[in-house]
Amino acid sequence: MDLNGTDIKILHDLLKDARFSSRQIAKNVGVSVGTVLSRIKKMEDEGLIKGYSVILDHEKLGYQLTVVTEITVSKGRLVETEKEIAKIPNVCGVYDVTGLTDAIIIAKFKSREELGVFTKNILALPYIERTNTHVVITTVKENFQLL
């Protein structure tokens, strides 16, 4: 989908606060409410806007540990292994990557014990050859709202 300046401005407003009314967005962008509604509908239909959500402070919810885990998978079973890992509730992201490992997992935990159980469960999966887990010490920036 090709985005024009109006679309970009609408998306900026939605990223700022998805609770903004169409009327507020129209006023901010300088277009009619109908234009805002039709552009948002088109972006939803095209799959550019996948949904609306809140941004949580995970630390305030008790998730004190963030980890980045590299995994190496054997026998060409990467996709099915990633799908299994993606089902785990603590997992925030699963990425195919280039380099010495096959995939990267980002996950959050409330305790070392939870992390230990997670790591043992990952290692018990049939095609996992090895893992390398990095514990995040300080989160400098965590924001996936790019535009």
N, C-alpha and C. Protein backbone atom coordinates (compact mmCIF):
# COMPACT_ATOMS: atom_id res chain seq x y z
N MET A 1 0.85 -1.17 0.00
CA MET A 1 0.00 0.00 0.00
C MET A 1 0.89 1.23 0.00
N ASP A 2 0.61 2.15 -0.89
CA ASP A 2 1.33 3.41 -0.93
C ASP A 2 0.68 4.39 0.04
N LEU A 3 1.47 4.92 0.95
CA LEU A 3 0.97 5.88 1.92
C LEU A 3 1.29 7.29 1.47
N ASN A 4 0.33 8.18 1.60
CA ASN A 4 0.61 9.59 1.31
C ASN A 4 0.79 10.34 2.63
N GLY A 5 1.03 11.62 2.55
CA GLY A 5 1.27 12.42 3.74
C GLY A 5 0.12 12.39 4.73
N THR A 6 -1.11 12.37 4.24
CA THR A 6 -2.28 12.32 5.11
C THR A 6 -2.31 11.00 5.88
N ASP A 7 -2.04 9.91 5.18
CA ASP A 7 -2.02 8.59 5.83
C ASP A 7 -0.98 8.56 6.95
N ILE A 8 0.20 9.10 6.66
CA ILE A 8 1.29 9.12 7.64
C ILE A 8 0.87 9.93 8.87
N LYS A 9 0.24 11.08 8.65
CA LYS A 9 -0.19 11.92 9.77
C LYS A 9 -1.25 11.20 10.61
N ILE A 10 -2.17 10.52 9.94
CA ILE A 10 -3.21 9.76 10.65
C ILE A 10 -2.55 8.67 11.49
N LEU A 11 -1.60 7.95 10.91
CA LEU A 11 -0.91 6.89 11.65
C LEU A 11 -0.13 7.45 12.84
N HIS A 12 0.51 8.60 12.66
CA HIS A 12 1.22 9.23 13.78
C HIS A 12 0.26 9.51 14.93
N ASP A 13 -0.92 10.03 14.62
CA ASP A 13 -1.90 10.31 15.66
C ASP A 13 -2.36 9.02 16.34
N LEU A 14 -2.63 7.98 15.55
CA LEU A 14 -3.06 6.71 16.13
C LEU A 14 -1.97 6.10 17.01
N LEU A 15 -0.72 6.24 16.60
CA LEU A 15 0.39 5.72 17.41
C LEU A 15 0.55 6.53 18.70
N LYS A 16 0.26 7.81 18.63
CA LYS A 16 0.33 8.65 19.82
C LYS A 16 -0.73 8.22 20.82
N ASP A 17 -1.96 7.99 20.33
CA ASP A 17 -3.05 7.56 21.19
C ASP A 17 -4.16 6.99 20.31
N ALA A 18 -4.29 5.67 20.32
CA ALA A 18 -5.28 5.01 19.47
C ALA A 18 -6.71 5.31 19.93
N ARG A 19 -6.85 5.97 21.07
CA ARG A 19 -8.18 6.35 21.55
C ARG A 19 -8.65 7.67 20.98
N PHE A 20 -7.77 8.39 20.24
CA PHE A 20 -8.21 9.64 19.61
C PHE A 20 -9.43 9.35 18.75
N SER A 21 -10.40 10.25 18.83
CA SER A 21 -11.59 10.10 17.98
C SER A 21 -11.22 10.49 16.55
N SER A 22 -12.04 10.05 15.62
CA SER A 22 -11.84 10.44 14.22
C SER A 22 -11.91 11.95 14.08
N ARG A 23 -12.76 12.57 14.88
CA ARG A 23 -12.89 14.02 14.85
C ARG A 23 -11.59 14.69 15.30
N GLN A 24 -10.97 14.17 16.38
CA GLN A 24 -9.70 14.73 16.86
C GLN A 24 -8.61 14.57 15.80
N ILE A 25 -8.55 13.38 15.21
CA ILE A 25 -7.52 13.11 14.19
C ILE A 25 -7.73 14.04 13.00
N ALA A 26 -8.98 14.18 12.57
CA ALA A 26 -9.28 15.05 11.42
C ALA A 26 -8.83 16.48 11.70
N LYS A 27 -9.09 16.96 12.92
CA LYS A 27 -8.69 18.30 13.29
C LYS A 27 -7.16 18.43 13.28
N ASN A 28 -6.47 17.44 13.86
CA ASN A 28 -5.00 17.47 13.92
C ASN A 28 -4.36 17.41 12.54
N VAL A 29 -4.95 16.59 11.66
CA VAL A 29 -4.38 16.37 10.33
C VAL A 29 -4.81 17.45 9.35
N GLY A 30 -5.97 18.05 9.58
CA GLY A 30 -6.47 19.08 8.68
C GLY A 30 -7.27 18.54 7.53
N VAL A 31 -8.01 17.45 7.79
CA VAL A 31 -8.87 16.86 6.76
C VAL A 31 -10.25 16.60 7.38
N SER A 32 -11.18 16.13 6.57
CA SER A 32 -12.52 15.85 7.08
C SER A 32 -12.55 14.53 7.86
N VAL A 33 -13.57 14.38 8.69
CA VAL A 33 -13.76 13.15 9.45
C VAL A 33 -13.96 11.98 8.48
N GLY A 34 -14.70 12.21 7.41
CA GLY A 34 -14.92 11.17 6.40
C GLY A 34 -13.62 10.67 5.79
N THR A 35 -12.71 11.60 5.53
CA THR A 35 -11.40 11.23 4.98
C THR A 35 -10.65 10.34 5.97
N VAL A 36 -10.66 10.74 7.23
CA VAL A 36 -9.97 9.95 8.27
C VAL A 36 -10.58 8.55 8.34
N LEU A 37 -11.89 8.48 8.40
CA LEU A 37 -12.56 7.17 8.49
C LEU A 37 -12.25 6.28 7.29
N SER A 38 -12.31 6.86 6.09
CA SER A 38 -12.07 6.03 4.89
C SER A 38 -10.61 5.60 4.79
N ARG A 39 -9.69 6.47 5.17
CA ARG A 39 -8.25 6.11 5.12
C ARG A 39 -7.93 5.03 6.15
N ILE A 40 -8.48 5.18 7.36
CA ILE A 40 -8.24 4.16 8.38
C ILE A 40 -8.84 2.82 7.93
N LYS A 41 -10.05 2.85 7.40
CA LYS A 41 -10.70 1.62 6.92
C LYS A 41 -9.85 0.96 5.84
N LYS A 42 -9.32 1.75 4.90
CA LYS A 42 -8.49 1.20 3.83
C LYS A 42 -7.21 0.57 4.41
N MET A 43 -6.58 1.25 5.39
CA MET A 43 -5.36 0.71 5.99
C MET A 43 -5.65 -0.58 6.77
N GLU A 44 -6.84 -0.67 7.38
CA GLU A 44 -7.24 -1.90 8.07
C GLU A 44 -7.48 -3.01 7.05
N ASP A 45 -8.22 -2.69 5.97
CA ASP A 45 -8.52 -3.69 4.93
C ASP A 45 -7.25 -4.23 4.26
N GLU A 46 -6.25 -3.36 4.09
CA GLU A 46 -5.00 -3.75 3.45
C GLU A 46 -4.08 -4.50 4.42
N GLY A 47 -4.45 -4.54 5.69
CA GLY A 47 -3.63 -5.24 6.69
C GLY A 47 -2.49 -4.41 7.25
N LEU A 48 -2.43 -3.13 6.89
CA LEU A 48 -1.39 -2.26 7.45
C LEU A 48 -1.66 -2.03 8.94
N ILE A 49 -2.90 -1.74 9.28
CA ILE A 49 -3.32 -1.65 10.67
C ILE A 49 -3.89 -3.01 11.03
N LYS A 50 -3.20 -3.71 11.93
CA LYS A 50 -3.60 -5.07 12.30
C LYS A 50 -4.54 -5.10 13.49
N GLY A 51 -4.55 -4.04 14.29
CA GLY A 51 -5.39 -4.01 15.47
C GLY A 51 -5.03 -2.82 16.32
N TYR A 52 -5.67 -2.72 17.46
CA TYR A 52 -5.45 -1.62 18.39
C TYR A 52 -5.15 -2.21 19.75
N SER A 53 -4.24 -1.60 20.47
CA SER A 53 -3.78 -2.19 21.71
C SER A 53 -3.35 -1.11 22.70
N VAL A 54 -2.99 -1.55 23.89
CA VAL A 54 -2.41 -0.66 24.89
C VAL A 54 -0.93 -1.00 25.02
N ILE A 55 -0.16 -0.06 25.51
CA ILE A 55 1.25 -0.29 25.76
C ILE A 55 1.42 -0.43 27.27
N LEU A 56 1.88 -1.59 27.69
CA LEU A 56 2.00 -1.89 29.11
C LEU A 56 3.42 -1.66 29.59
N ASP A 57 3.56 -1.31 30.84
CA ASP A 57 4.86 -1.26 31.49
C ASP A 57 5.05 -2.63 32.13
N HIS A 58 5.81 -3.48 31.46
CA HIS A 58 5.97 -4.86 31.93
C HIS A 58 6.62 -4.95 33.30
N GLU A 59 7.53 -4.06 33.60
CA GLU A 59 8.18 -4.08 34.92
C GLU A 59 7.17 -3.82 36.03
N LYS A 60 6.22 -2.92 35.79
CA LYS A 60 5.19 -2.64 36.80
C LYS A 60 4.24 -3.83 36.96
N LEU A 61 4.20 -4.70 35.97
CA LEU A 61 3.41 -5.93 36.06
C LEU A 61 4.21 -7.07 36.69
N GLY A 62 5.47 -6.78 37.05
CA GLY A 62 6.29 -7.79 37.72
C GLY A 62 7.27 -8.52 36.83
N TYR A 63 7.30 -8.20 35.55
CA TYR A 63 8.24 -8.85 34.64
C TYR A 63 9.58 -8.14 34.73
N GLN A 64 10.41 -8.60 35.64
CA GLN A 64 11.69 -7.95 35.92
C GLN A 64 12.81 -8.42 35.00
N LEU A 65 12.64 -9.56 34.36
CA LEU A 65 13.70 -10.11 33.50
C LEU A 65 13.27 -10.13 32.04
N THR A 66 14.11 -9.56 31.20
CA THR A 66 13.94 -9.68 29.75
C THR A 66 15.14 -10.46 29.25
N VAL A 67 14.90 -11.44 28.39
CA VAL A 67 16.00 -12.23 27.84
C VAL A 67 15.93 -12.26 26.32
N VAL A 68 17.09 -12.37 25.74
CA VAL A 68 17.24 -12.59 24.31
C VAL A 68 17.92 -13.94 24.18
N THR A 69 17.23 -14.91 23.60
CA THR A 69 17.75 -16.26 23.50
C THR A 69 17.99 -16.62 22.04
N GLU A 70 19.20 -17.01 21.75
CA GLU A 70 19.55 -17.51 20.43
C GLU A 70 19.30 -19.02 20.43
N ILE A 71 18.71 -19.53 19.35
CA ILE A 71 18.53 -20.98 19.26
C ILE A 71 19.09 -21.50 17.94
N THR A 72 19.59 -22.72 18.00
CA THR A 72 20.05 -23.44 16.82
C THR A 72 19.18 -24.68 16.71
N VAL A 73 18.62 -24.89 15.52
CA VAL A 73 17.66 -25.97 15.28
C VAL A 73 18.23 -26.92 14.24
N SER A 74 18.00 -28.22 14.44
CA SER A 74 18.53 -29.22 13.52
C SER A 74 17.48 -29.74 12.56
N LYS A 75 17.95 -30.42 11.55
CA LYS A 75 17.12 -31.21 10.63
C LYS A 75 16.04 -30.42 9.90
N GLY A 76 16.29 -29.15 9.61
CA GLY A 76 15.34 -28.38 8.82
C GLY A 76 14.00 -28.17 9.49
N ARG A 77 13.95 -28.20 10.79
CA ARG A 77 12.68 -28.09 11.52
C ARG A 77 12.49 -26.72 12.16
N LEU A 78 13.09 -25.69 11.58
CA LEU A 78 13.05 -24.36 12.16
C LEU A 78 11.63 -23.82 12.28
N VAL A 79 10.86 -23.88 11.21
CA VAL A 79 9.53 -23.27 11.21
C VAL A 79 8.63 -23.91 12.26
N GLU A 80 8.59 -25.22 12.30
CA GLU A 80 7.71 -25.87 13.28
C GLU A 80 8.19 -25.62 14.72
N THR A 81 9.50 -25.55 14.91
CA THR A 81 10.04 -25.26 16.24
C THR A 81 9.69 -23.85 16.66
N GLU A 82 9.82 -22.89 15.74
CA GLU A 82 9.47 -21.50 16.04
C GLU A 82 7.98 -21.37 16.39
N LYS A 83 7.14 -22.09 15.68
CA LYS A 83 5.69 -22.04 15.96
C LYS A 83 5.39 -22.54 17.37
N GLU A 84 6.08 -23.59 17.80
CA GLU A 84 5.90 -24.10 19.16
C GLU A 84 6.36 -23.07 20.19
N ILE A 85 7.51 -22.48 19.95
CA ILE A 85 8.05 -21.48 20.88
C ILE A 85 7.13 -20.26 20.95
N ALA A 86 6.58 -19.87 19.82
CA ALA A 86 5.70 -18.69 19.77
C ALA A 86 4.44 -18.87 20.62
N LYS A 87 4.06 -20.10 20.90
CA LYS A 87 2.87 -20.36 21.71
C LYS A 87 3.11 -20.12 23.20
N ILE A 88 4.36 -20.04 23.62
CA ILE A 88 4.68 -19.87 25.04
C ILE A 88 4.31 -18.45 25.47
N PRO A 89 3.50 -18.30 26.53
CA PRO A 89 2.98 -16.98 26.91
C PRO A 89 4.04 -15.91 27.18
N ASN A 90 5.18 -16.27 27.71
CA ASN A 90 6.20 -15.27 28.04
C ASN A 90 6.95 -14.75 26.83
N VAL A 91 6.79 -15.40 25.70
CA VAL A 91 7.53 -15.03 24.50
C VAL A 91 6.89 -13.81 23.84
N CYS A 92 7.71 -12.78 23.64
CA CYS A 92 7.25 -11.54 23.01
C CYS A 92 7.57 -11.49 21.52
N GLY A 93 8.62 -12.18 21.10
CA GLY A 93 9.02 -12.15 19.70
C GLY A 93 9.84 -13.37 19.33
N VAL A 94 9.65 -13.83 18.11
CA VAL A 94 10.44 -14.93 17.55
C VAL A 94 10.86 -14.49 16.16
N TYR A 95 12.17 -14.51 15.90
CA TYR A 95 12.70 -14.00 14.64
C TYR A 95 13.65 -15.00 14.00
N ASP A 96 13.48 -15.25 12.70
CA ASP A 96 14.52 -15.94 11.91
C ASP A 96 15.64 -14.95 11.72
N VAL A 97 16.88 -15.40 11.87
CA VAL A 97 18.00 -14.48 11.73
C VAL A 97 19.11 -15.11 10.89
N THR A 98 19.99 -14.26 10.41
CA THR A 98 21.19 -14.73 9.76
C THR A 98 22.29 -14.82 10.81
N GLY A 99 23.36 -15.52 10.47
CA GLY A 99 24.47 -15.62 11.41
C GLY A 99 24.65 -17.03 11.92
N LEU A 100 25.24 -17.13 13.10
CA LEU A 100 25.60 -18.43 13.66
C LEU A 100 24.43 -19.19 14.26
N THR A 101 23.33 -18.50 14.54
CA THR A 101 22.15 -19.16 15.09
C THR A 101 21.00 -19.06 14.09
N ASP A 102 19.97 -19.84 14.33
CA ASP A 102 18.84 -19.88 13.41
C ASP A 102 17.72 -18.90 13.75
N ALA A 103 17.54 -18.65 15.05
CA ALA A 103 16.43 -17.80 15.47
C ALA A 103 16.78 -17.09 16.77
N ILE A 104 16.07 -16.00 17.01
CA ILE A 104 16.19 -15.23 18.24
C ILE A 104 14.81 -15.17 18.88
N ILE A 105 14.79 -15.37 20.19
CA ILE A 105 13.55 -15.27 20.96
C ILE A 105 13.72 -14.14 21.96
N ILE A 106 12.70 -13.31 22.08
CA ILE A 106 12.69 -12.29 23.14
C ILE A 106 11.54 -12.67 24.06
N ALA A 107 11.85 -12.76 25.36
CA ALA A 107 10.84 -13.18 26.33
C ALA A 107 11.02 -12.41 27.63
N LYS A 108 9.96 -12.38 28.44
CA LYS A 108 9.98 -11.66 29.71
C LYS A 108 9.51 -12.59 30.82
N PHE A 109 10.14 -12.43 32.00
CA PHE A 109 9.84 -13.31 33.13
C PHE A 109 9.77 -12.52 34.43
N LYS A 110 8.98 -13.06 35.37
CA LYS A 110 8.85 -12.42 36.68
C LYS A 110 9.95 -12.88 37.64
N SER A 111 10.58 -14.02 37.36
CA SER A 111 11.58 -14.54 38.28
C SER A 111 12.62 -15.38 37.54
N ARG A 112 13.72 -15.63 38.24
CA ARG A 112 14.76 -16.53 37.69
C ARG A 112 14.20 -17.93 37.54
N GLU A 113 13.31 -18.30 38.46
CA GLU A 113 12.72 -19.63 38.39
C GLU A 113 11.91 -19.80 37.10
N GLU A 114 11.11 -18.79 36.76
CA GLU A 114 10.35 -18.84 35.50
C GLU A 114 11.29 -18.96 34.30
N LEU A 115 12.36 -18.18 34.32
CA LEU A 115 13.35 -18.23 33.25
C LEU A 115 13.97 -19.62 33.17
N GLY A 116 14.28 -20.21 34.31
CA GLY A 116 14.86 -21.55 34.33
C GLY A 116 13.93 -22.59 33.72
N VAL A 117 12.66 -22.52 34.07
CA VAL A 117 11.67 -23.46 33.51
C VAL A 117 11.58 -23.27 32.00
N PHE A 118 11.52 -22.02 31.56
CA PHE A 118 11.45 -21.71 30.14
C PHE A 118 12.65 -22.31 29.40
N THR A 119 13.83 -22.05 29.92
CA THR A 119 15.06 -22.52 29.26
C THR A 119 15.07 -24.05 29.17
N LYS A 120 14.69 -24.72 30.24
CA LYS A 120 14.66 -26.19 30.23
C LYS A 120 13.61 -26.71 29.24
N ASN A 121 12.46 -26.03 29.17
CA ASN A 121 11.42 -26.44 28.21
C ASN A 121 11.88 -26.25 26.77
N ILE A 122 12.60 -25.15 26.51
CA ILE A 122 13.11 -24.91 25.16
C ILE A 122 14.13 -26.00 24.80
N LEU A 123 15.03 -26.28 25.73
CA LEU A 123 16.06 -27.30 25.47
C LEU A 123 15.46 -28.69 25.30
N ALA A 124 14.27 -28.93 25.85
CA ALA A 124 13.61 -30.23 25.74
C ALA A 124 12.88 -30.41 24.41
N LEU A 125 12.71 -29.33 23.66
CA LEU A 125 12.04 -29.45 22.35
C LEU A 125 12.89 -30.35 21.45
N PRO A 126 12.25 -31.16 20.61
CA PRO A 126 12.96 -32.21 19.89
C PRO A 126 14.10 -31.76 18.97
N TYR A 127 13.99 -30.61 18.34
CA TYR A 127 15.00 -30.26 17.34
C TYR A 127 15.93 -29.13 17.77
N ILE A 128 15.87 -28.76 19.03
CA ILE A 128 16.78 -27.72 19.54
C ILE A 128 18.15 -28.35 19.76
N GLU A 129 19.15 -27.79 19.09
CA GLU A 129 20.51 -28.27 19.30
C GLU A 129 21.17 -27.55 20.47
N ARG A 130 20.99 -26.23 20.51
CA ARG A 130 21.58 -25.45 21.60
C ARG A 130 20.89 -24.09 21.69
N THR A 131 21.09 -23.48 22.86
CA THR A 131 20.59 -22.13 23.09
C THR A 131 21.72 -21.29 23.67
N ASN A 132 21.58 -20.00 23.55
CA ASN A 132 22.49 -19.05 24.18
C ASN A 132 21.62 -17.89 24.65
N THR A 133 21.45 -17.78 25.96
CA THR A 133 20.54 -16.79 26.53
C THR A 133 21.29 -15.61 27.10
N HIS A 134 20.84 -14.42 26.72
CA HIS A 134 21.39 -13.16 27.22
C HIS A 134 20.34 -12.51 28.11
N VAL A 135 20.70 -12.16 29.33
CA VAL A 135 19.78 -11.46 30.23
C VAL A 135 20.01 -9.97 30.05
N VAL A 136 18.94 -9.24 29.80
CA VAL A 136 19.02 -7.78 29.64
C VAL A 136 19.24 -7.15 31.01
N ILE A 137 20.25 -6.32 31.11
CA ILE A 137 20.55 -5.64 32.37
C ILE A 137 19.76 -4.34 32.48
N THR A 138 19.79 -3.55 31.42
CA THR A 138 19.06 -2.28 31.40
C THR A 138 18.37 -2.13 30.05
N THR A 139 17.11 -1.76 30.07
CA THR A 139 16.39 -1.48 28.83
C THR A 139 16.51 0.02 28.57
N VAL A 140 17.26 0.36 27.55
CA VAL A 140 17.45 1.76 27.20
C VAL A 140 16.26 2.25 26.37
N LYS A 141 15.81 1.42 25.43
CA LYS A 141 14.65 1.76 24.61
C LYS A 141 13.96 0.47 24.22
N GLU A 142 12.64 0.47 24.32
CA GLU A 142 11.84 -0.66 23.86
C GLU A 142 10.56 -0.08 23.30
N ASN A 143 10.51 0.06 22.00
CA ASN A 143 9.37 0.67 21.35
C ASN A 143 9.34 0.19 19.90
N PHE A 144 8.30 -0.54 19.56
CA PHE A 144 8.19 -1.07 18.20
C PHE A 144 7.22 -0.26 17.34
N GLN A 145 6.92 0.96 17.77
CA GLN A 145 6.00 1.82 17.03
C GLN A 145 6.79 2.69 16.05
N LEU A 146 7.19 2.10 14.95
CA LEU A 146 7.98 2.82 13.96
C LEU A 146 7.10 3.41 12.89
N LEU A 147 7.50 4.57 12.40
CA LEU A 147 6.81 5.17 11.25
C LEU A 147 7.70 6.24 10.67
